[in-house]
Amino acid sequence: MPDGDTRRLNLLLLLQYAEKYESNSDLGLSGFVRYLTRTRDSKSSIDSSTGVSEYADVVRIMTIHASKGLEFPVVIIAGCGKKMNTSSLTDSLIIDPAAILGAGMKRIVAETGRVFETLQHRACRLSIRDSERAEELRVLYVAMTRARERLIMVGSSENPETLVKKCGASLCGDKTPSPVLIKKAGSYLEILILSLMWHKDAKLLREFAAVSESYTYNPNFSLNVEYVTSVSTGEYITEDEDAVAPDENLLRDIEKRTSYVYGYSRLSGYAAKMSASSVENSSRSLDWYFTAKPDFLCKNDMTPAMRGTAAHHFLEVCDLDMGAQSVEKETKRLVSLGKLSEVEAAAADKKMLERFFESNLFKRIKNADKIYREQKFTIAVPLGELNSDVPKEFSSEKAVVQGVIDCAFFENGETIVVDYKTDNVKDEEELKRRYSGQLSIYKRAAEEIFSQPVKETL
């Protein structure tokens, strides 16, 4: 019959589905037929047989668990040198799977943060280790008993000579390894070396371990130990005379991707977002860098910057009319309302504030058509306007600038921008030069907010 093996395997698979359905349902054959009909109508998939006969001349690759109940003439167990999983033994909280010892926890000394193992934790850890090692041995037994004629076990080690010497020294002349050695073994390969060290055919192991030949025994199976340090690919790979030419389109695509250079890498040294207060002339930054007084020389432990911030906050929250009448009374009122702290009230320069309320600027603000205080903004500014050393081809790229306009007012329909400063300078022009960068940003922001040109920045 064509594809007889595949048809037979599919029938056996159908039988497995029927047995599984029967174990979970009591509707019998008619219910199983309806289940198959619904599966077909809903276009759900049912796995079919792989079509490989049990006796097919192929190499099967499977896990040890999947090999249970199967036998093969030749079995290769790979990866014997892989370390056994012991991650569960390092947890701070572990539970004995046998439910005899309960749970074990590590102790932490709160004062020093030191962590150490308690007696209960160690007991649980040893119990878990014994349980897991017993399971590993059962799995290894399953793998080794799948072979009917020949068993090949392959394992690697970074330093095989040291591993074999360690095993030979641990045996201390005993023909069979003690349970303690098996429990401490870190891999299947170590267990195999411990178990086969005295086999009459394991002379190579005994030479590595430098142990005596007097303890050898002659079991009812032969053994061949090979030590491979390198493998020549020529033994397994033959030259293909009809080699396929590389895909030129794919090569070009790979070359294009691997040679890619980010076009804006030269801008990595420039900020993409900044505050308006950081936009200052570079010359001013160096000229005034070392002029600030240290804290211990400042009056009442308040730096000039802190006093300036306090005065700024006062102008932000005060009632301009009441402030013009009496700065002292307005300060006390703001403190009582919680809008100004006691520290800020003490730090604010009252005489400077009084001079402000007596100035022509305040008179213009008082008589303005409309006043805007603490106007927040976020604008995009070309990098070329913020940094003079930006490459010309990138000067039009935008940076985000955020800030707050202290005060803006309309005078005869025209916009005036005011930025409060408390610096000690000789004249107003010096102050404008010092903060020309900020004023230009405030001017641009006000023009975008109010949709009209700014007449003056003060």
Protein backbone atom coordinates (compact mmCIF):
# COMPACT_ATOMS: atom_id res chain seq x y z
CA MET A 1 0.00 0.00 0.00
CA PRO A 2 1.41 3.47 -0.86
CA ASP A 3 2.52 5.38 2.25
CA GLY A 4 1.53 2.41 4.35
CA ASP A 5 3.71 3.42 7.31
CA THR A 6 2.28 6.95 7.37
CA ARG A 7 -1.32 5.67 7.22
CA ARG A 8 -0.66 3.24 10.02
CA LEU A 9 0.87 5.97 12.20
CA ASN A 10 -2.08 8.29 11.53
CA LEU A 11 -4.50 5.55 12.62
CA LEU A 12 -2.52 5.04 15.82
CA LEU A 13 -2.60 8.81 16.39
CA LEU A 14 -6.38 8.81 15.90
CA LEU A 15 -6.62 6.05 18.49
CA GLN A 16 -4.63 8.23 20.93
CA TYR A 17 -7.04 11.13 20.36
CA ALA A 18 -9.99 8.81 21.00
CA GLU A 19 -8.47 7.50 24.25
CA LYS A 20 -7.75 11.04 25.42
CA TYR A 21 -11.33 12.11 24.59
CA GLU A 22 -12.78 9.12 26.42
CA SER A 23 -10.76 9.89 29.55
CA ASN A 24 -12.27 13.38 29.71
CA SER A 25 -15.83 12.71 28.48
CA ASP A 26 -18.60 10.11 28.89
CA LEU A 27 -20.40 10.81 25.57
CA GLY A 28 -18.95 7.75 23.87
CA LEU A 29 -18.27 7.19 20.18
CA SER A 30 -21.04 9.54 18.96
CA GLY A 31 -19.61 12.38 21.05
CA PHE A 32 -16.12 11.77 19.65
CA VAL A 33 -17.46 11.83 16.08
CA ARG A 34 -19.25 15.14 16.78
CA TYR A 35 -16.01 16.50 18.26
CA LEU A 36 -14.14 15.61 15.06
CA THR A 37 -16.92 17.21 12.97
CA ARG A 38 -16.79 20.45 14.95
CA THR A 39 -13.01 20.49 14.66
CA ARG A 40 -13.24 20.09 10.89
CA ASP A 41 -15.99 22.73 10.48
CA SER A 42 -14.11 25.28 12.61
CA LYS A 43 -11.00 24.63 10.52
CA SER A 44 -9.00 23.83 13.65
CA SER A 45 -5.85 21.85 13.12
CA ILE A 46 -5.16 18.37 14.46
CA ASP A 47 -1.56 17.28 14.41
CA SER A 48 -0.93 14.46 12.00
CA SER A 49 1.78 11.84 12.12
CA THR A 50 5.25 12.83 11.04
CA GLY A 51 5.15 9.96 8.63
CA VAL A 52 8.39 8.42 9.94
CA SER A 53 8.16 4.76 10.73
CA GLU A 54 9.60 3.32 13.90
CA TYR A 55 11.90 1.23 11.71
CA ALA A 56 12.87 4.02 9.28
CA ASP A 57 16.60 4.46 8.63
CA VAL A 58 16.88 7.95 10.11
CA VAL A 59 18.57 9.75 12.98
CA ARG A 60 16.11 10.85 15.64
CA ILE A 61 16.85 13.82 17.87
CA MET A 62 14.82 14.02 21.05
CA THR A 63 14.97 14.86 24.71
CA ILE A 64 15.65 12.20 27.29
CA HIS A 65 12.09 12.50 28.61
CA ALA A 66 10.67 12.00 25.12
CA SER A 67 12.74 8.80 24.71
CA LYS A 68 11.03 6.98 27.58
CA GLY A 69 9.69 3.60 26.44
CA LEU A 70 11.73 3.64 23.21
CA GLU A 71 14.80 1.67 22.24
CA PHE A 72 17.32 2.13 19.44
CA PRO A 73 20.29 0.15 18.19
CA VAL A 74 22.66 3.09 18.70
CA VAL A 75 22.14 5.97 21.14
CA ILE A 76 24.29 9.11 21.44
CA ILE A 77 23.93 11.16 24.63
CA ALA A 78 25.36 14.61 23.99
CA GLY A 79 26.17 17.43 26.41
CA CYS A 80 27.23 15.24 29.32
CA GLY A 81 29.65 17.94 30.46
CA LYS A 82 26.90 20.52 30.98
CA LYS A 83 26.59 21.66 34.58
CA MET A 84 23.55 20.46 36.47
CA ASN A 85 21.01 23.10 37.38
CA THR A 86 21.47 24.15 41.01
CA SER A 87 19.85 27.61 40.87
CA SER A 88 17.09 26.57 43.28
CA LEU A 89 19.69 26.01 46.02
CA THR A 90 20.77 29.67 46.09
CA ASP A 91 17.37 31.24 46.81
CA SER A 92 16.95 33.10 50.09
CA LEU A 93 13.78 31.09 50.76
CA ILE A 94 13.71 27.38 49.89
CA ILE A 95 11.11 24.72 50.68
CA ASP A 96 11.82 21.07 51.23
CA PRO A 97 9.94 19.14 48.47
CA ALA A 98 9.54 16.14 50.77
CA ALA A 99 7.52 18.35 53.15
CA ILE A 100 9.56 17.04 56.08
CA LEU A 101 11.86 19.93 56.91
CA GLY A 102 9.48 22.71 55.85
CA ALA A 103 10.97 26.01 54.73
CA GLY A 104 14.43 27.47 55.26
CA MET A 105 15.38 31.13 55.09
CA LYS A 106 18.66 33.00 55.08
CA ARG A 107 19.10 35.60 57.81
CA ILE A 108 19.84 39.26 57.16
CA VAL A 109 21.42 41.44 59.85
CA ALA A 110 19.57 44.74 59.49
CA GLU A 111 22.36 46.83 61.03
CA THR A 112 25.10 45.64 58.66
CA GLY A 113 23.16 44.13 55.76
CA ARG A 114 25.12 40.88 56.13
CA VAL A 115 23.41 37.74 54.84
CA PHE A 116 24.27 34.29 56.15
CA GLU A 117 22.81 30.79 55.99
CA THR A 118 20.78 29.47 58.87
CA LEU A 119 20.79 25.86 60.04
CA GLN A 120 17.24 25.35 58.72
CA HIS A 121 18.15 26.81 55.32
CA ARG A 122 21.21 24.54 55.05
CA ALA A 123 19.18 21.46 56.00
CA CYS A 124 16.54 22.27 53.36
CA ARG A 125 19.25 22.99 50.79
CA LEU A 126 20.91 19.60 51.34
CA SER A 127 17.54 17.85 51.17
CA ILE A 128 16.69 19.57 47.90
CA ARG A 129 20.14 18.77 46.51
CA ASP A 130 19.72 15.08 47.31
CA SER A 131 16.24 15.06 45.76
CA GLU A 132 17.35 16.80 42.58
CA ARG A 133 20.46 14.64 42.25
CA ALA A 134 18.35 11.48 42.58
CA GLU A 135 16.11 12.76 39.78
CA GLU A 136 19.17 13.52 37.61
CA LEU A 137 20.41 9.96 38.13
CA ARG A 138 17.01 8.56 37.13
CA VAL A 139 17.05 10.65 33.96
CA LEU A 140 20.60 9.49 33.17
CA TYR A 141 19.53 5.88 33.70
CA VAL A 142 16.64 6.34 31.25
CA ALA A 143 18.99 7.77 28.62
CA MET A 144 21.60 5.04 28.98
CA THR A 145 19.07 2.18 28.82
CA ARG A 146 17.62 3.32 25.46
CA ALA A 147 20.53 1.66 23.61
CA ARG A 148 20.28 -1.96 22.56
CA GLU A 149 23.68 -2.43 20.93
CA ARG A 150 25.92 0.61 21.34
CA LEU A 151 25.93 3.65 23.62
CA ILE A 152 28.01 6.77 22.86
CA MET A 153 28.28 9.47 25.52
CA VAL A 154 29.92 12.80 24.69
CA GLY A 155 31.00 15.44 27.18
CA SER A 156 33.34 18.41 27.17
CA SER A 157 35.27 20.21 29.87
CA GLU A 158 37.42 23.35 29.93
CA ASN A 159 40.13 21.40 31.76
CA PRO A 160 39.53 17.65 31.40
CA GLU A 161 42.87 16.62 32.97
CA THR A 162 42.06 18.51 36.16
CA LEU A 163 38.57 17.02 36.26
CA VAL A 164 39.88 13.45 35.94
CA LYS A 165 42.58 14.04 38.57
CA LYS A 166 39.98 15.43 40.95
CA CYS A 167 37.79 12.35 40.47
CA GLY A 168 40.75 9.98 40.92
CA ALA A 169 41.80 11.69 44.15
CA SER A 170 38.23 11.64 45.47
CA LEU A 171 37.90 7.87 45.01
CA CYS A 172 40.84 7.17 47.34
CA GLY A 173 41.22 3.66 45.92
CA ASP A 174 37.54 2.68 46.32
CA LYS A 175 36.22 0.61 43.43
CA THR A 176 32.84 2.31 43.52
CA PRO A 177 32.16 5.98 44.25
CA SER A 178 30.44 6.77 47.52
CA PRO A 179 26.97 8.41 47.51
CA VAL A 180 28.57 11.60 48.83
CA LEU A 181 30.75 11.91 45.71
CA ILE A 182 27.76 11.35 43.44
CA LYS A 183 25.77 14.03 45.29
CA LYS A 184 28.62 16.50 44.91
CA ALA A 185 29.18 15.79 41.20
CA GLY A 186 28.45 18.78 38.99
CA SER A 187 27.70 17.02 35.69
CA TYR A 188 26.87 13.67 34.08
CA LEU A 189 30.48 13.55 32.84
CA GLU A 190 31.83 13.71 36.38
CA ILE A 191 29.47 10.93 37.50
CA LEU A 192 30.59 8.76 34.57
CA ILE A 193 34.29 9.32 35.32
CA LEU A 194 33.77 8.44 38.99
CA SER A 195 31.84 5.29 38.07
CA LEU A 196 34.13 4.03 35.30
CA MET A 197 37.56 4.96 36.67
CA TRP A 198 38.44 1.33 37.55
CA HIS A 199 36.93 -0.30 34.44
CA LYS A 200 39.60 -2.47 32.79
CA ASP A 201 39.21 -0.51 29.52
CA ALA A 202 39.47 2.96 31.17
CA LYS A 203 43.26 3.01 31.21
CA LEU A 204 43.30 6.51 29.71
CA LEU A 205 41.33 7.87 32.68
CA ARG A 206 43.71 6.27 35.17
CA GLU A 207 46.70 7.72 33.33
CA PHE A 208 45.24 11.21 33.57
CA ALA A 209 44.41 10.68 37.24
CA ALA A 210 47.84 9.11 37.97
CA VAL A 211 46.30 6.30 40.01
CA SER A 212 47.28 2.64 40.41
CA GLU A 213 46.09 -0.13 38.08
CA SER A 214 45.63 -2.57 40.97
CA TYR A 215 41.96 -1.77 41.55
CA THR A 216 40.64 -2.48 38.06
CA TYR A 217 37.69 -4.80 37.54
CA ASN A 218 36.28 -6.64 34.53
CA PRO A 219 32.54 -6.01 34.05
CA ASN A 220 30.35 -7.67 31.42
CA PHE A 221 30.53 -4.77 28.95
CA SER A 222 33.37 -3.26 26.99
CA LEU A 223 34.35 0.40 27.15
CA ASN A 224 36.23 2.73 24.80
CA VAL A 225 37.47 6.06 26.20
CA GLU A 226 38.57 8.70 23.68
CA TYR A 227 40.17 12.05 24.45
CA VAL A 228 39.56 14.49 21.60
CA THR A 229 41.28 17.86 21.71
CA SER A 230 40.26 19.12 18.26
CA VAL A 231 38.11 18.05 15.36
CA SER A 232 39.04 18.62 11.75
CA THR A 233 36.06 19.81 9.76
CA GLY A 234 37.52 18.10 6.74
CA GLU A 235 36.59 14.75 8.23
CA TYR A 236 32.91 15.58 8.08
CA ILE A 237 32.50 18.31 5.45
CA THR A 238 33.18 17.53 1.81
CA GLU A 239 33.92 20.06 -0.88
CA ASP A 240 30.84 21.00 -2.86
CA GLU A 241 31.90 21.44 -6.46
CA ASP A 242 28.56 23.06 -7.32
CA ALA A 243 28.84 25.78 -4.70
CA VAL A 244 26.03 28.31 -4.88
CA ALA A 245 27.13 31.84 -5.78
CA PRO A 246 26.36 34.53 -3.15
CA ASP A 247 23.31 36.70 -3.61
CA GLU A 248 24.69 40.04 -4.83
CA ASN A 249 21.58 41.96 -3.81
CA LEU A 250 21.79 40.55 -0.30
CA LEU A 251 25.50 41.37 -0.08
CA ARG A 252 24.83 44.96 -1.14
CA ASP A 253 22.05 45.25 1.44
CA ILE A 254 24.30 43.88 4.20
CA GLU A 255 27.12 46.25 3.22
CA LYS A 256 24.71 49.19 3.19
CA ARG A 257 23.36 48.35 6.63
CA THR A 258 26.75 47.69 8.27
CA SER A 259 28.35 50.84 6.82
CA TYR A 260 25.52 53.13 7.92
CA VAL A 261 26.60 56.34 9.63
CA TYR A 262 24.09 58.41 11.56
CA GLY A 263 23.78 61.73 9.74
CA TYR A 264 23.28 63.80 12.87
CA SER A 265 26.15 62.41 14.96
CA ARG A 266 27.88 65.83 14.84
CA LEU A 267 24.98 67.27 16.82
CA SER A 268 25.42 64.88 19.75
CA GLY A 269 27.23 67.56 21.74
CA TYR A 270 24.33 70.00 21.57
CA ALA A 271 21.30 69.91 23.83
CA ALA A 272 18.00 69.04 22.15
CA LYS A 273 16.07 70.61 25.02
CA MET A 274 17.08 73.42 27.38
CA SER A 275 15.70 76.08 29.66
CA ALA A 276 15.63 79.73 28.73
CA SER A 277 17.87 80.57 31.69
CA SER A 278 20.66 78.38 30.25
CA VAL A 279 20.72 80.31 26.99
CA GLU A 280 23.50 82.81 27.73
CA ASN A 281 26.49 84.17 25.92
CA SER A 282 29.51 81.88 26.23
CA SER A 283 31.78 84.80 27.04
CA ARG A 284 29.56 85.82 29.93
CA SER A 285 29.59 82.26 31.29
CA LEU A 286 33.40 82.31 31.64
CA ASP A 287 33.66 85.94 32.76
CA TRP A 288 31.35 85.44 35.72
CA TYR A 289 32.11 81.82 36.54
CA PHE A 290 34.24 82.52 39.65
CA THR A 291 32.56 85.70 40.91
CA ALA A 292 29.96 84.09 43.21
CA LYS A 293 30.71 84.32 46.90
CA PRO A 294 31.11 81.07 48.83
CA ASP A 295 28.32 80.21 51.26
CA PHE A 296 30.34 81.00 54.40
CA LEU A 297 30.79 84.63 53.27
CA CYS A 298 27.11 85.21 52.53
CA LYS A 299 24.97 87.35 54.81
CA ASN A 300 22.65 85.37 57.10
CA ASP A 301 23.71 82.17 55.29
CA MET A 302 21.76 83.35 52.23
CA THR A 303 23.56 83.48 48.89
CA PRO A 304 22.77 86.28 46.45
CA ALA A 305 21.03 83.73 44.22
CA MET A 306 18.76 82.66 47.11
CA ARG A 307 17.90 86.28 47.93
CA GLY A 308 17.20 86.96 44.27
CA THR A 309 14.92 83.91 44.07
CA ALA A 310 13.02 85.12 47.14
CA ALA A 311 12.47 88.56 45.62
CA HIS A 312 11.41 86.96 42.34
CA HIS A 313 8.87 84.78 44.15
CA PHE A 314 7.48 87.83 45.94
CA LEU A 315 6.85 89.61 42.61
CA GLU A 316 5.28 86.42 41.28
CA VAL A 317 2.60 86.07 44.00
CA CYS A 318 2.11 89.57 45.39
CA ASP A 319 -0.75 91.98 44.81
CA LEU A 320 0.91 94.78 42.87
CA ASP A 321 -1.33 97.49 44.33
CA MET A 322 -0.76 96.34 47.92
CA GLY A 323 2.94 95.91 47.30
CA ALA A 324 3.16 99.46 46.03
CA GLN A 325 1.53 100.69 49.23
CA SER A 326 3.78 98.69 51.61
CA VAL A 327 6.24 95.93 50.83
CA GLU A 328 6.48 94.97 54.51
CA LYS A 329 2.72 94.56 54.96
CA GLU A 330 2.33 92.67 51.70
CA THR A 331 5.15 90.33 52.74
CA LYS A 332 3.41 89.55 56.03
CA ARG A 333 0.11 88.97 54.23
CA LEU A 334 1.68 86.52 51.81
CA VAL A 335 3.32 84.63 54.69
CA SER A 336 -0.01 84.38 56.52
CA LEU A 337 -1.61 82.99 53.35
CA GLY A 338 1.19 80.43 52.92
CA LYS A 339 2.23 81.86 49.54
CA LEU A 340 5.60 82.96 50.90
CA SER A 341 7.73 81.10 53.47
CA GLU A 342 9.29 82.72 56.51
CA VAL A 343 12.75 82.10 55.03
CA GLU A 344 11.80 83.76 51.74
CA ALA A 345 10.24 86.70 53.56
CA ALA A 346 13.44 87.25 55.51
CA ALA A 347 15.67 86.82 52.45
CA ALA A 348 13.81 89.18 50.09
CA ASP A 349 15.51 92.57 49.75
CA LYS A 350 12.74 94.95 50.88
CA LYS A 351 14.57 98.13 49.83
CA MET A 352 15.16 96.79 46.34
CA LEU A 353 11.48 95.88 46.05
CA GLU A 354 10.45 99.33 47.23
CA ARG A 355 12.68 100.89 44.56
CA PHE A 356 10.97 98.71 41.97
CA PHE A 357 7.50 99.92 43.02
CA GLU A 358 8.75 103.52 42.85
CA SER A 359 10.31 103.11 39.39
CA ASN A 360 9.01 104.33 36.05
CA LEU A 361 8.85 100.71 34.89
CA PHE A 362 6.28 99.85 37.52
CA LYS A 363 4.25 102.92 36.60
CA ARG A 364 4.18 101.68 33.00
CA ILE A 365 3.12 98.22 34.18
CA LYS A 366 0.42 99.72 36.43
CA ASN A 367 -0.98 101.80 33.55
CA ALA A 368 -0.77 98.97 30.99
CA ASP A 369 -3.77 97.85 28.96
CA LYS A 370 -3.24 94.24 30.08
CA ILE A 371 -0.66 92.45 32.24
CA TYR A 372 0.54 88.82 31.99
CA ARG A 373 2.62 87.42 34.87
CA GLU A 374 4.54 84.12 34.88
CA GLN A 375 3.68 83.24 31.28
CA LYS A 376 5.01 79.73 30.57
CA PHE A 377 6.16 78.81 27.07
CA THR A 378 7.74 76.03 24.99
CA ILE A 379 9.17 77.02 21.62
CA ALA A 380 11.43 75.58 18.92
CA VAL A 381 14.55 77.63 18.19
CA PRO A 382 17.13 77.01 15.42
CA LEU A 383 20.39 75.65 16.83
CA GLY A 384 22.32 78.29 14.93
CA GLU A 385 20.72 80.99 17.05
CA LEU A 386 21.57 79.20 20.31
CA ASN A 387 25.13 78.10 19.51
CA SER A 388 27.57 80.00 17.34
CA ASP A 389 29.73 76.93 16.63
CA VAL A 390 26.99 74.75 15.12
CA PRO A 391 27.99 73.42 11.66
CA LYS A 392 26.36 75.52 8.97
CA GLU A 393 24.44 72.62 7.43
CA PHE A 394 22.75 71.94 10.79
CA SER A 395 22.09 75.53 11.86
CA SER A 396 18.41 75.27 10.92
CA GLU A 397 17.81 72.21 13.10
CA LYS A 398 15.50 72.99 16.01
CA ALA A 399 16.03 72.71 19.77
CA VAL A 400 13.22 72.89 22.32
CA VAL A 401 13.45 75.77 24.77
CA GLN A 402 11.20 76.06 27.82
CA GLY A 403 10.87 78.94 30.21
CA VAL A 404 8.65 81.47 31.98
CA ILE A 405 8.23 85.14 31.04
CA ASP A 406 8.24 87.04 34.34
CA CYS A 407 5.99 89.83 33.08
CA ALA A 408 4.55 90.98 29.76
CA PHE A 409 2.19 93.89 29.29
CA PHE A 410 0.47 95.75 26.49
CA GLU A 411 1.16 99.45 26.20
CA ASN A 412 -0.81 101.30 23.53
CA GLY A 413 -1.43 97.97 21.80
CA GLU A 414 2.26 97.04 21.72
CA THR A 415 3.95 94.19 23.63
CA ILE A 416 6.58 94.88 26.29
CA VAL A 417 8.50 91.97 27.91
CA VAL A 418 10.04 92.34 31.39
CA ASP A 419 12.55 89.92 32.96
CA TYR A 420 13.26 90.45 36.67
CA LYS A 421 16.95 90.43 37.67
CA THR A 422 18.59 91.26 41.00
CA ASP A 423 22.22 91.41 39.81
CA ASN A 424 24.39 94.21 41.14
CA VAL A 425 25.45 96.12 37.99
CA LYS A 426 26.50 99.65 37.10
CA ASP A 427 23.78 100.35 34.54
CA GLU A 428 20.84 98.76 32.74
CA GLU A 429 22.74 98.25 29.49
CA GLU A 430 25.30 96.04 31.23
CA LEU A 431 22.45 93.90 32.56
CA LYS A 432 20.93 93.64 29.10
CA ARG A 433 24.25 92.56 27.61
CA ARG A 434 24.69 89.95 30.33
CA TYR A 435 21.28 88.36 29.65
CA SER A 436 20.94 89.14 25.95
CA GLY A 437 20.50 85.43 25.17
CA GLN A 438 17.56 85.04 27.54
CA LEU A 439 15.92 88.28 26.39
CA SER A 440 16.04 87.15 22.75
CA ILE A 441 14.33 83.89 23.73
CA TYR A 442 11.65 85.73 25.74
CA LYS A 443 11.08 88.09 22.80
CA ARG A 444 10.63 85.17 20.37
CA ALA A 445 8.30 83.36 22.80
CA ALA A 446 6.16 86.45 23.40
CA GLU A 447 5.80 87.04 19.67
CA GLU A 448 4.59 83.46 19.20
CA ILE A 449 2.21 83.64 22.20
CA PHE A 450 0.64 87.04 21.44
CA SER A 451 0.98 86.81 17.63
CA GLN A 452 2.47 90.29 17.29
CA PRO A 453 5.95 91.84 17.37
CA VAL A 454 7.54 92.75 20.69
CA LYS A 455 8.38 96.44 20.91
CA GLU A 456 10.74 96.30 23.87
CA THR A 457 12.47 93.89 26.28
CA LEU A 458 13.40 95.20 29.73
